Amino acid sequence: MSGVVLRISGSKVAVKRFLSQSRWRPAAIFWKGKPRLPGSTHLSAANGFNLSVSDAPGDRLELAIADTKRFLKREAVELRRLYRLKLGAVLDFGVHASGDSVVSSYVFESAFLSQLVKAHVALEVSHYEGRAETPNKSLERTRER
């Protein structure tokens, strides 16, 4: 999975209150003790929701960061509301390694990290093995077949 997802968690009352007054449309909403997916036996350990912030490919961290900066600026009021309701917020950047390197590193500039701190949002990087396919490469392979 690539892109950036804002993961929110907290009390059921706070999650419901936030969502009832927000224009955000989460990709997923989950409740503690309930299955995250219909028919699943895996139960959620928390109440919360996931919101897509960026659809940038996993090998385009700079694009994901740019999208996230715009989101933080545009949604500052909603992010403050999350904090006031004592809801935890984590921005999860899904990334793919480039090349065949064993070690991957990702740099986030201090100004961006300061934006996250000001918004009371934690940072998480989820590293996925395998190369990310950009839409153009995927389309080229489809045409070759």
C-alpha atoms as a PDB file:
ATOM      1  CA  MET A   1       0.000   0.000   0.000  1.00  0.00           C
ATOM      2  CA  SER A   2       1.329   3.437  -0.804  1.00  0.00           C
ATOM      3  CA  GLY A   3       0.196   6.961  -0.219  1.00  0.00           C
ATOM      4  CA  VAL A   4      -0.499   8.645   3.096  1.00  0.00           C
ATOM      5  CA  VAL A   5      -3.246   7.691   5.529  1.00  0.00           C
ATOM      6  CA  LEU A   6      -4.330   9.665   8.569  1.00  0.00           C
ATOM      7  CA  ARG A   7      -5.144   7.137  11.290  1.00  0.00           C
ATOM      8  CA  ILE A   8      -7.370   8.439  14.099  1.00  0.00           C
ATOM      9  CA  SER A   9      -8.133   6.587  17.330  1.00  0.00           C
ATOM     10  CA  GLY A  10      -9.755   7.305  20.664  1.00  0.00           C
ATOM     11  CA  SER A  11     -12.943   6.870  22.619  1.00  0.00           C
ATOM     12  CA  LYS A  12     -16.061   5.750  20.785  1.00  0.00           C
ATOM     13  CA  VAL A  13     -17.926   8.848  21.962  1.00  0.00           C
ATOM     14  CA  ALA A  14     -15.191  11.186  20.667  1.00  0.00           C
ATOM     15  CA  VAL A  15     -14.914   9.383  17.308  1.00  0.00           C
ATOM     16  CA  LYS A  16     -18.696   9.521  16.807  1.00  0.00           C
ATOM     17  CA  ARG A  17     -18.831  13.184  17.856  1.00  0.00           C
ATOM     18  CA  PHE A  18     -16.027  14.136  15.487  1.00  0.00           C
ATOM     19  CA  LEU A  19     -17.467  12.269  12.502  1.00  0.00           C
ATOM     20  CA  SER A  20     -20.995  13.618  13.065  1.00  0.00           C
ATOM     21  CA  GLN A  21     -19.702  17.191  12.695  1.00  0.00           C
ATOM     22  CA  SER A  22     -17.039  16.655  10.023  1.00  0.00           C
ATOM     23  CA  ARG A  23     -17.151  16.768   6.242  1.00  0.00           C
ATOM     24  CA  TRP A  24     -14.347  14.172   6.129  1.00  0.00           C
ATOM     25  CA  ARG A  25     -15.321  10.878   4.527  1.00  0.00           C
ATOM     26  CA  PRO A  26     -13.117   8.146   6.025  1.00  0.00           C
ATOM     27  CA  ALA A  27     -11.906   5.204   3.957  1.00  0.00           C
ATOM     28  CA  ALA A  28     -12.604   2.977   6.984  1.00  0.00           C
ATOM     29  CA  ILE A  29     -14.302   3.320  10.363  1.00  0.00           C
ATOM     30  CA  PHE A  30     -13.659   0.743  13.064  1.00  0.00           C
ATOM     31  CA  TRP A  31     -14.956   0.028  16.551  1.00  0.00           C
ATOM     32  CA  LYS A  32     -13.172  -1.711  19.415  1.00  0.00           C
ATOM     33  CA  GLY A  33     -14.168  -5.381  19.693  1.00  0.00           C
ATOM     34  CA  LYS A  34     -15.872  -5.416  16.274  1.00  0.00           C
ATOM     35  CA  PRO A  35     -14.465  -6.924  13.048  1.00  0.00           C
ATOM     36  CA  ARG A  36     -12.711  -4.385  10.817  1.00  0.00           C
ATOM     37  CA  LEU A  37     -13.995  -6.192   7.735  1.00  0.00           C
ATOM     38  CA  PRO A  38     -17.349  -7.990   7.346  1.00  0.00           C
ATOM     39  CA  GLY A  39     -16.922 -11.698   8.058  1.00  0.00           C
ATOM     40  CA  SER A  40     -13.451 -11.262   9.553  1.00  0.00           C
ATOM     41  CA  THR A  41     -12.512 -12.940  12.831  1.00  0.00           C
ATOM     42  CA  HIS A  42      -9.885 -10.247  13.535  1.00  0.00           C
ATOM     43  CA  LEU A  43     -11.378  -7.763  15.986  1.00  0.00           C
ATOM     44  CA  SER A  44     -10.338  -4.138  16.194  1.00  0.00           C
ATOM     45  CA  ALA A  45      -8.292  -3.201  19.249  1.00  0.00           C
ATOM     46  CA  ALA A  46      -9.403   0.454  19.036  1.00  0.00           C
ATOM     47  CA  ASN A  47     -12.118   2.845  17.935  1.00  0.00           C
ATOM     48  CA  GLY A  48     -11.226   5.097  15.047  1.00  0.00           C
ATOM     49  CA  PHE A  49     -11.050   5.738  11.358  1.00  0.00           C
ATOM     50  CA  ASN A  50      -8.644   6.063   8.438  1.00  0.00           C
ATOM     51  CA  LEU A  51      -8.640   8.988   6.040  1.00  0.00           C
ATOM     52  CA  SER A  52      -6.703   9.052   2.771  1.00  0.00           C
ATOM     53  CA  VAL A  53      -4.459  12.121   2.569  1.00  0.00           C
ATOM     54  CA  SER A  54      -2.375  11.304  -0.523  1.00  0.00           C
ATOM     55  CA  ASP A  55      -2.468   8.733  -3.296  1.00  0.00           C
ATOM     56  CA  ALA A  56       1.184   9.350  -4.222  1.00  0.00           C
ATOM     57  CA  PRO A  57       3.051   6.215  -5.319  1.00  0.00           C
ATOM     58  CA  GLY A  58       5.272   4.654  -2.663  1.00  0.00           C
ATOM     59  CA  ASP A  59       8.424   5.623  -4.538  1.00  0.00           C
ATOM     60  CA  ARG A  60       7.447   9.330  -4.636  1.00  0.00           C
ATOM     61  CA  LEU A  61       7.909  10.433  -1.029  1.00  0.00           C
ATOM     62  CA  GLU A  62       8.413  14.070  -2.065  1.00  0.00           C
ATOM     63  CA  LEU A  63       4.959  14.093  -3.693  1.00  0.00           C
ATOM     64  CA  ALA A  64       3.377  12.446  -0.638  1.00  0.00           C
ATOM     65  CA  ILE A  65       4.970  15.075   1.615  1.00  0.00           C
ATOM     66  CA  ALA A  66       3.766  17.929  -0.629  1.00  0.00           C
ATOM     67  CA  ASP A  67       0.206  16.537  -0.583  1.00  0.00           C
ATOM     68  CA  THR A  68       0.382  16.178   3.197  1.00  0.00           C
ATOM     69  CA  LYS A  69       1.628  19.750   3.692  1.00  0.00           C
ATOM     70  CA  ARG A  70      -1.382  21.018   1.741  1.00  0.00           C
ATOM     71  CA  PHE A  71      -3.682  18.790   3.806  1.00  0.00           C
ATOM     72  CA  LEU A  72      -2.236  20.048   7.111  1.00  0.00           C
ATOM     73  CA  LYS A  73      -2.735  23.660   6.060  1.00  0.00           C
ATOM     74  CA  ARG A  74      -6.211  23.154   4.585  1.00  0.00           C
ATOM     75  CA  GLU A  75      -7.493  21.009   7.482  1.00  0.00           C
ATOM     76  CA  ALA A  76      -5.931  22.850  10.450  1.00  0.00           C
ATOM     77  CA  VAL A  77      -9.329  23.522  12.049  1.00  0.00           C
ATOM     78  CA  GLU A  78     -10.364  19.859  11.876  1.00  0.00           C
ATOM     79  CA  LEU A  79      -6.989  18.740  13.223  1.00  0.00           C
ATOM     80  CA  ARG A  80      -7.397  21.079  16.210  1.00  0.00           C
ATOM     81  CA  ARG A  81     -10.836  19.581  16.794  1.00  0.00           C
ATOM     82  CA  LEU A  82      -9.308  16.096  16.872  1.00  0.00           C
ATOM     83  CA  TYR A  83      -6.874  17.267  19.543  1.00  0.00           C
ATOM     84  CA  ARG A  84      -9.592  18.950  21.627  1.00  0.00           C
ATOM     85  CA  LEU A  85     -11.585  15.693  21.564  1.00  0.00           C
ATOM     86  CA  LYS A  86      -8.454  13.822  22.748  1.00  0.00           C
ATOM     87  CA  LEU A  87      -8.300  11.730  19.580  1.00  0.00           C
ATOM     88  CA  GLY A  88      -4.893  10.399  18.607  1.00  0.00           C
ATOM     89  CA  ALA A  89      -3.666  11.140  15.083  1.00  0.00           C
ATOM     90  CA  VAL A  90      -0.922   9.403  13.102  1.00  0.00           C
ATOM     91  CA  LEU A  91       0.075  10.116   9.499  1.00  0.00           C
ATOM     92  CA  ASP A  92       1.240   6.843   7.952  1.00  0.00           C
ATOM     93  CA  PHE A  93       3.455   7.195   4.874  1.00  0.00           C
ATOM     94  CA  GLY A  94       3.457   4.019   2.781  1.00  0.00           C
ATOM     95  CA  VAL A  95       6.812   3.782   0.989  1.00  0.00           C
ATOM     96  CA  HIS A  96       8.636   1.362  -1.295  1.00  0.00           C
ATOM     97  CA  ALA A  97      12.381   0.879  -1.464  1.00  0.00           C
ATOM     98  CA  SER A  98      14.114   1.974  -4.630  1.00  0.00           C
ATOM     99  CA  GLY A  99      16.577  -0.384  -6.282  1.00  0.00           C
ATOM    100  CA  ASP A 100      17.931  -3.547  -4.708  1.00  0.00           C
ATOM    101  CA  SER A 101      19.368  -1.844  -1.649  1.00  0.00           C
ATOM    102  CA  VAL A 102      19.165  -3.590   1.714  1.00  0.00           C
ATOM    103  CA  VAL A 103      18.964  -0.260   3.534  1.00  0.00           C
ATOM    104  CA  SER A 104      16.370   2.417   2.867  1.00  0.00           C
ATOM    105  CA  SER A 105      16.268   5.826   4.477  1.00  0.00           C
ATOM    106  CA  TYR A 106      13.667   8.544   4.352  1.00  0.00           C
ATOM    107  CA  VAL A 107      14.294  12.180   5.246  1.00  0.00           C
ATOM    108  CA  PHE A 108      11.603  14.509   6.540  1.00  0.00           C
ATOM    109  CA  GLU A 109      12.655  18.161   6.774  1.00  0.00           C
ATOM    110  CA  SER A 110      12.450  19.834  10.157  1.00  0.00           C
ATOM    111  CA  ALA A 111       9.867  22.415   8.992  1.00  0.00           C
ATOM    112  CA  PHE A 112       7.520  19.583   8.002  1.00  0.00           C
ATOM    113  CA  LEU A 113       8.083  17.807  11.313  1.00  0.00           C
ATOM    114  CA  SER A 114       7.299  21.094  13.083  1.00  0.00           C
ATOM    115  CA  GLN A 115       3.988  21.258  11.192  1.00  0.00           C
ATOM    116  CA  LEU A 116       3.145  17.778  12.473  1.00  0.00           C
ATOM    117  CA  VAL A 117       4.024  18.718  16.054  1.00  0.00           C
ATOM    118  CA  LYS A 118       1.907  21.875  15.838  1.00  0.00           C
ATOM    119  CA  ALA A 119      -1.019  19.785  14.553  1.00  0.00           C
ATOM    120  CA  HIS A 120      -0.475  17.145  17.301  1.00  0.00           C
ATOM    121  CA  VAL A 121       0.016  14.457  14.661  1.00  0.00           C
ATOM    122  CA  ALA A 122       2.535  11.613  14.942  1.00  0.00           C
ATOM    123  CA  LEU A 123       4.531  10.266  11.994  1.00  0.00           C
ATOM    124  CA  GLU A 124       4.744   6.636  10.917  1.00  0.00           C
ATOM    125  CA  VAL A 125       6.538   5.161   7.911  1.00  0.00           C
ATOM    126  CA  SER A 126       5.288   1.800   6.627  1.00  0.00           C
ATOM    127  CA  HIS A 127       7.874   0.197   4.380  1.00  0.00           C
ATOM    128  CA  TYR A 128       6.607  -2.257   1.780  1.00  0.00           C
ATOM    129  CA  GLU A 129       8.871  -4.701  -0.009  1.00  0.00           C
ATOM    130  CA  GLY A 130       8.848  -4.822  -3.758  1.00  0.00           C
ATOM    131  CA  ARG A 131       8.966  -2.007  -6.204  1.00  0.00           C
ATOM    132  CA  ALA A 132       6.106   0.410  -6.556  1.00  0.00           C
ATOM    133  CA  GLU A 133       4.653   0.588 -10.018  1.00  0.00           C
ATOM    134  CA  THR A 134       3.870   4.001 -11.337  1.00  0.00           C
ATOM    135  CA  PRO A 135       0.656   4.197 -13.368  1.00  0.00           C
ATOM    136  CA  ASN A 136       2.646   4.747 -16.603  1.00  0.00           C
ATOM    137  CA  LYS A 137       4.778   1.606 -16.135  1.00  0.00           C
ATOM    138  CA  SER A 138       1.698  -0.428 -15.278  1.00  0.00           C
ATOM    139  CA  LEU A 139      -0.074   0.881 -18.388  1.00  0.00           C
ATOM    140  CA  GLU A 140       2.963   0.094 -20.581  1.00  0.00           C
ATOM    141  CA  ARG A 141       3.012  -3.511 -19.346  1.00  0.00           C
ATOM    142  CA  THR A 142      -0.708  -3.842 -20.066  1.00  0.00           C
ATOM    143  CA  ARG A 143      -0.179  -2.561 -23.624  1.00  0.00           C
ATOM    144  CA  GLU A 144       2.690  -5.023 -24.184  1.00  0.00           C
ATOM    145  CA  ARG A 145       0.457  -8.004 -23.398  1.00  0.00           C
END
